[in-house]
Amino acid sequence: MSCDNKVRIGIVVSEFNYDITYIMLQKAISHARFLGAEIRYVVKAPGIYDAPILAHELARRDDVDAVVVLGAVIQGETKHDEVVANQAARKLLDISLQIGKPVTLGVIGPGATRLQALERAEEYARRAVEAAVKLSRRLRALREATHRGETVIID
């Protein structure tokens, strides 16, 4: 994390359903600024299934404290949306644990209609950014904390 405690964020945004994810990206950027975080990189993935490799690469960077992943997985006529969303979510969590940095999930679906996704775009983007900022700050505090006989509370 940067010396001034500003959280440096990388965003991976899905191009699939870009009418929705573009709105998510704009809301994520504005909410990050509101929270005092800095967006360092925005990388477009073809789809949410493709996002983990880009999230992994961003998370490995020394100038990124957290990665926000944005996407919308719209329900179709088969269970393909469930496969895509579940596999992507699992790999993103694995990356977070492997690298030791927050990788937050701003992904609508599976099972969402296009209208539901549009209605939730701002909320999911804001929540993903907020989680990235909070987790980054709390991880830093936890890593710097020393137990001295009293309960250490990090919030």
C-alpha atoms as a PDB file:
ATOM      1  CA  MET A   1       0.000   0.000   0.000  1.00  0.00           C
ATOM      2  CA  SER A   2       1.236   3.464  -0.761  1.00  0.00           C
ATOM      3  CA  CYS A   3       2.791   5.522   2.006  1.00  0.00           C
ATOM      4  CA  ASP A   4      -0.130   7.961   2.150  1.00  0.00           C
ATOM      5  CA  ASN A   5      -2.569   5.118   2.923  1.00  0.00           C
ATOM      6  CA  LYS A   6      -4.309   5.641  -0.432  1.00  0.00           C
ATOM      7  CA  VAL A   7      -5.539   2.300  -1.726  1.00  0.00           C
ATOM      8  CA  ARG A   8      -4.357   1.612  -5.278  1.00  0.00           C
ATOM      9  CA  ILE A   9      -6.881  -0.377  -7.280  1.00  0.00           C
ATOM     10  CA  GLY A  10      -6.782  -2.336 -10.509  1.00  0.00           C
ATOM     11  CA  ILE A  11     -10.094  -3.050 -12.208  1.00  0.00           C
ATOM     12  CA  VAL A  12     -10.920  -5.912 -14.533  1.00  0.00           C
ATOM     13  CA  VAL A  13     -14.161  -5.284 -16.414  1.00  0.00           C
ATOM     14  CA  SER A  14     -15.948  -7.720 -18.699  1.00  0.00           C
ATOM     15  CA  GLU A  15     -16.694  -6.602 -22.257  1.00  0.00           C
ATOM     16  CA  PHE A  16     -19.535  -9.104 -22.440  1.00  0.00           C
ATOM     17  CA  ASN A  17     -22.788  -7.277 -21.634  1.00  0.00           C
ATOM     18  CA  TYR A  18     -20.817  -4.044 -21.910  1.00  0.00           C
ATOM     19  CA  ASP A  19     -23.983  -1.954 -21.876  1.00  0.00           C
ATOM     20  CA  ILE A  20     -24.198  -2.984 -18.211  1.00  0.00           C
ATOM     21  CA  THR A  21     -20.529  -3.294 -17.308  1.00  0.00           C
ATOM     22  CA  TYR A  22     -19.718   0.139 -18.721  1.00  0.00           C
ATOM     23  CA  ILE A  23     -22.138   1.625 -16.191  1.00  0.00           C
ATOM     24  CA  MET A  24     -20.517  -0.513 -13.496  1.00  0.00           C
ATOM     25  CA  LEU A  25     -17.067   0.738 -14.464  1.00  0.00           C
ATOM     26  CA  GLN A  26     -18.110   4.381 -14.312  1.00  0.00           C
ATOM     27  CA  LYS A  27     -19.762   3.890 -10.903  1.00  0.00           C
ATOM     28  CA  ALA A  28     -16.731   1.994  -9.592  1.00  0.00           C
ATOM     29  CA  ILE A  29     -14.351   4.755 -10.640  1.00  0.00           C
ATOM     30  CA  SER A  30     -16.476   7.504  -9.092  1.00  0.00           C
ATOM     31  CA  HIS A  31     -16.968   5.556  -5.848  1.00  0.00           C
ATOM     32  CA  ALA A  32     -13.238   4.834  -5.582  1.00  0.00           C
ATOM     33  CA  ARG A  33     -12.542   8.563  -5.867  1.00  0.00           C
ATOM     34  CA  PHE A  34     -15.197   9.260  -3.234  1.00  0.00           C
ATOM     35  CA  LEU A  35     -13.462   6.802  -0.875  1.00  0.00           C
ATOM     36  CA  GLY A  36     -10.042   8.346  -1.527  1.00  0.00           C
ATOM     37  CA  ALA A  37      -8.754   5.370  -3.512  1.00  0.00           C
ATOM     38  CA  GLU A  38      -6.785   5.599  -6.742  1.00  0.00           C
ATOM     39  CA  ILE A  39      -7.610   3.620  -9.868  1.00  0.00           C
ATOM     40  CA  ARG A  40      -4.254   2.594 -11.314  1.00  0.00           C
ATOM     41  CA  TYR A  41      -5.349   0.252 -14.104  1.00  0.00           C
ATOM     42  CA  VAL A  42      -8.516  -0.708 -15.967  1.00  0.00           C
ATOM     43  CA  VAL A  43      -8.201  -3.873 -18.035  1.00  0.00           C
ATOM     44  CA  LYS A  44     -10.978  -5.245 -20.232  1.00  0.00           C
ATOM     45  CA  ALA A  45     -11.597  -8.990 -20.289  1.00  0.00           C
ATOM     46  CA  PRO A  46     -13.622 -10.547 -23.117  1.00  0.00           C
ATOM     47  CA  GLY A  47     -15.945 -12.117 -20.536  1.00  0.00           C
ATOM     48  CA  ILE A  48     -16.088 -12.771 -16.811  1.00  0.00           C
ATOM     49  CA  TYR A  49     -14.754 -16.294 -17.330  1.00  0.00           C
ATOM     50  CA  ASP A  50     -11.613 -14.682 -18.768  1.00  0.00           C
ATOM     51  CA  ALA A  51     -11.168 -12.229 -15.884  1.00  0.00           C
ATOM     52  CA  PRO A  52      -9.115 -14.397 -13.466  1.00  0.00           C
ATOM     53  CA  ILE A  53      -5.909 -14.362 -15.510  1.00  0.00           C
ATOM     54  CA  LEU A  54      -6.023 -10.561 -15.741  1.00  0.00           C
ATOM     55  CA  ALA A  55      -6.942 -10.245 -12.063  1.00  0.00           C
ATOM     56  CA  HIS A  56      -3.998 -12.493 -11.198  1.00  0.00           C
ATOM     57  CA  GLU A  57      -1.614 -10.341 -13.205  1.00  0.00           C
ATOM     58  CA  LEU A  58      -2.897  -7.142 -11.577  1.00  0.00           C
ATOM     59  CA  ALA A  59      -2.752  -8.644  -8.084  1.00  0.00           C
ATOM     60  CA  ARG A  60       0.906  -9.564  -8.604  1.00  0.00           C
ATOM     61  CA  ARG A  61       1.846  -5.932  -9.278  1.00  0.00           C
ATOM     62  CA  ASP A  62       3.583  -4.007  -6.501  1.00  0.00           C
ATOM     63  CA  ASP A  63       1.674  -0.845  -7.405  1.00  0.00           C
ATOM     64  CA  VAL A  64      -1.762  -2.442  -6.884  1.00  0.00           C
ATOM     65  CA  ASP A  65      -3.247  -3.064  -3.428  1.00  0.00           C
ATOM     66  CA  ALA A  66      -6.536  -4.632  -4.530  1.00  0.00           C
ATOM     67  CA  VAL A  67      -8.330  -5.809  -7.651  1.00  0.00           C
ATOM     68  CA  VAL A  68     -11.997  -5.165  -8.399  1.00  0.00           C
ATOM     69  CA  VAL A  69     -13.667  -7.453 -10.936  1.00  0.00           C
ATOM     70  CA  LEU A  70     -16.819  -6.203 -12.649  1.00  0.00           C
ATOM     71  CA  GLY A  71     -19.193  -8.196 -14.811  1.00  0.00           C
ATOM     72  CA  ALA A  72     -22.749  -9.240 -15.539  1.00  0.00           C
ATOM     73  CA  VAL A  73     -23.642 -12.863 -16.182  1.00  0.00           C
ATOM     74  CA  ILE A  74     -27.130 -12.909 -17.681  1.00  0.00           C
ATOM     75  CA  GLN A  75     -29.313 -16.000 -17.453  1.00  0.00           C
ATOM     76  CA  GLY A  76     -29.832 -17.832 -20.721  1.00  0.00           C
ATOM     77  CA  GLU A  77     -31.799 -20.893 -21.721  1.00  0.00           C
ATOM     78  CA  THR A  78     -29.223 -23.293 -20.260  1.00  0.00           C
ATOM     79  CA  LYS A  79     -27.169 -23.453 -17.055  1.00  0.00           C
ATOM     80  CA  HIS A  80     -24.124 -21.952 -18.811  1.00  0.00           C
ATOM     81  CA  ASP A  81     -24.431 -18.754 -16.748  1.00  0.00           C
ATOM     82  CA  GLU A  82     -24.035 -20.775 -13.546  1.00  0.00           C
ATOM     83  CA  VAL A  83     -20.917 -22.538 -14.809  1.00  0.00           C
ATOM     84  CA  VAL A  84     -19.308 -19.274 -15.927  1.00  0.00           C
ATOM     85  CA  ALA A  85     -20.093 -17.317 -12.760  1.00  0.00           C
ATOM     86  CA  ASN A  86     -19.230 -20.104 -10.331  1.00  0.00           C
ATOM     87  CA  GLN A  87     -15.892 -20.955 -11.934  1.00  0.00           C
ATOM     88  CA  ALA A  88     -14.847 -17.320 -12.203  1.00  0.00           C
ATOM     89  CA  ALA A  89     -15.798 -16.597  -8.589  1.00  0.00           C
ATOM     90  CA  ARG A  90     -13.856 -19.628  -7.350  1.00  0.00           C
ATOM     91  CA  LYS A  91     -10.707 -18.697  -9.253  1.00  0.00           C
ATOM     92  CA  LEU A  92     -10.879 -15.054  -8.156  1.00  0.00           C
ATOM     93  CA  LEU A  93     -11.057 -16.127  -4.514  1.00  0.00           C
ATOM     94  CA  ASP A  94      -8.119 -18.482  -5.095  1.00  0.00           C
ATOM     95  CA  ILE A  95      -6.070 -15.596  -6.528  1.00  0.00           C
ATOM     96  CA  SER A  96      -6.833 -13.410  -3.532  1.00  0.00           C
ATOM     97  CA  LEU A  97      -5.641 -16.079  -1.121  1.00  0.00           C
ATOM     98  CA  GLN A  98      -2.617 -17.062  -3.218  1.00  0.00           C
ATOM     99  CA  ILE A  99      -1.336 -13.505  -3.715  1.00  0.00           C
ATOM    100  CA  GLY A 100      -2.512 -12.128  -0.364  1.00  0.00           C
ATOM    101  CA  LYS A 101      -4.417  -9.169  -1.784  1.00  0.00           C
ATOM    102  CA  PRO A 102      -8.146  -8.507  -2.017  1.00  0.00           C
ATOM    103  CA  VAL A 103      -9.794  -9.518  -5.287  1.00  0.00           C
ATOM    104  CA  THR A 104     -13.389  -8.407  -4.958  1.00  0.00           C
ATOM    105  CA  LEU A 105     -16.375  -9.740  -6.848  1.00  0.00           C
ATOM    106  CA  GLY A 106     -18.562  -7.129  -8.491  1.00  0.00           C
ATOM    107  CA  VAL A 107     -20.285  -9.677 -10.672  1.00  0.00           C
ATOM    108  CA  ILE A 108     -24.036  -9.739 -11.125  1.00  0.00           C
ATOM    109  CA  GLY A 109     -25.456 -13.227 -11.620  1.00  0.00           C
ATOM    110  CA  PRO A 110     -25.826 -16.031 -12.311  1.00  0.00           C
ATOM    111  CA  GLY A 111     -29.565 -16.155 -12.761  1.00  0.00           C
ATOM    112  CA  ALA A 112     -30.039 -12.434 -13.414  1.00  0.00           C
ATOM    113  CA  THR A 113     -32.144 -11.041 -16.209  1.00  0.00           C
ATOM    114  CA  ARG A 114     -30.853  -8.097 -18.221  1.00  0.00           C
ATOM    115  CA  LEU A 115     -33.274  -5.776 -16.400  1.00  0.00           C
ATOM    116  CA  GLN A 116     -32.168  -7.070 -12.978  1.00  0.00           C
ATOM    117  CA  ALA A 117     -28.541  -6.563 -13.968  1.00  0.00           C
ATOM    118  CA  LEU A 118     -29.189  -2.984 -15.050  1.00  0.00           C
ATOM    119  CA  GLU A 119     -31.002  -2.290 -11.780  1.00  0.00           C
ATOM    120  CA  ARG A 120     -28.092  -3.709  -9.740  1.00  0.00           C
ATOM    121  CA  ALA A 121     -25.155  -2.316 -11.723  1.00  0.00           C
ATOM    122  CA  GLU A 122     -24.405   0.656  -9.482  1.00  0.00           C
ATOM    123  CA  GLU A 123     -24.851  -1.262  -6.225  1.00  0.00           C
ATOM    124  CA  TYR A 124     -22.587  -4.147  -7.208  1.00  0.00           C
ATOM    125  CA  ALA A 125     -19.867  -1.818  -8.477  1.00  0.00           C
ATOM    126  CA  ARG A 126     -19.958   0.306  -5.308  1.00  0.00           C
ATOM    127  CA  ARG A 127     -19.883  -2.733  -3.032  1.00  0.00           C
ATOM    128  CA  ALA A 128     -16.918  -4.283  -4.838  1.00  0.00           C
ATOM    129  CA  VAL A 129     -14.900  -1.070  -4.579  1.00  0.00           C
ATOM    130  CA  GLU A 130     -15.859  -0.541  -0.956  1.00  0.00           C
ATOM    131  CA  ALA A 131     -14.820  -4.103  -0.071  1.00  0.00           C
ATOM    132  CA  ALA A 132     -11.484  -3.633  -1.874  1.00  0.00           C
ATOM    133  CA  VAL A 133     -10.737  -0.437   0.048  1.00  0.00           C
ATOM    134  CA  LYS A 134     -11.810  -1.810   3.438  1.00  0.00           C
ATOM    135  CA  LEU A 135      -9.972  -5.106   2.996  1.00  0.00           C
ATOM    136  CA  SER A 136      -6.780  -3.378   1.833  1.00  0.00           C
ATOM    137  CA  ARG A 137      -6.735  -1.063   4.819  1.00  0.00           C
ATOM    138  CA  ARG A 138      -7.594  -3.809   7.296  1.00  0.00           C
ATOM    139  CA  LEU A 139      -4.994  -6.196   5.876  1.00  0.00           C
ATOM    140  CA  ARG A 140      -2.365  -3.495   6.206  1.00  0.00           C
ATOM    141  CA  ALA A 141      -3.402  -2.795   9.798  1.00  0.00           C
ATOM    142  CA  LEU A 142      -3.429  -6.511  10.635  1.00  0.00           C
ATOM    143  CA  ARG A 143       0.009  -7.054   9.113  1.00  0.00           C
ATOM    144  CA  GLU A 144       1.387  -4.132  11.126  1.00  0.00           C
ATOM    145  CA  ALA A 145      -0.398  -5.068  14.377  1.00  0.00           C
ATOM    146  CA  THR A 146       1.368  -6.522  17.395  1.00  0.00           C
ATOM    147  CA  HIS A 147      -0.444  -8.300  20.189  1.00  0.00           C
ATOM    148  CA  ARG A 148       0.563  -6.899  23.569  1.00  0.00           C
ATOM    149  CA  GLY A 149      -1.770  -8.787  25.896  1.00  0.00           C
ATOM    150  CA  GLU A 150      -4.909  -6.886  24.932  1.00  0.00           C
ATOM    151  CA  THR A 151      -7.379  -7.784  22.227  1.00  0.00           C
ATOM    152  CA  VAL A 152      -6.466  -6.108  18.970  1.00  0.00           C
ATOM    153  CA  ILE A 153      -9.526  -4.861  17.076  1.00  0.00           C
ATOM    154  CA  ILE A 154      -9.028  -3.911  13.439  1.00  0.00           C
ATOM    155  CA  ASP A 155     -11.863  -2.104  11.753  1.00  0.00           C
END
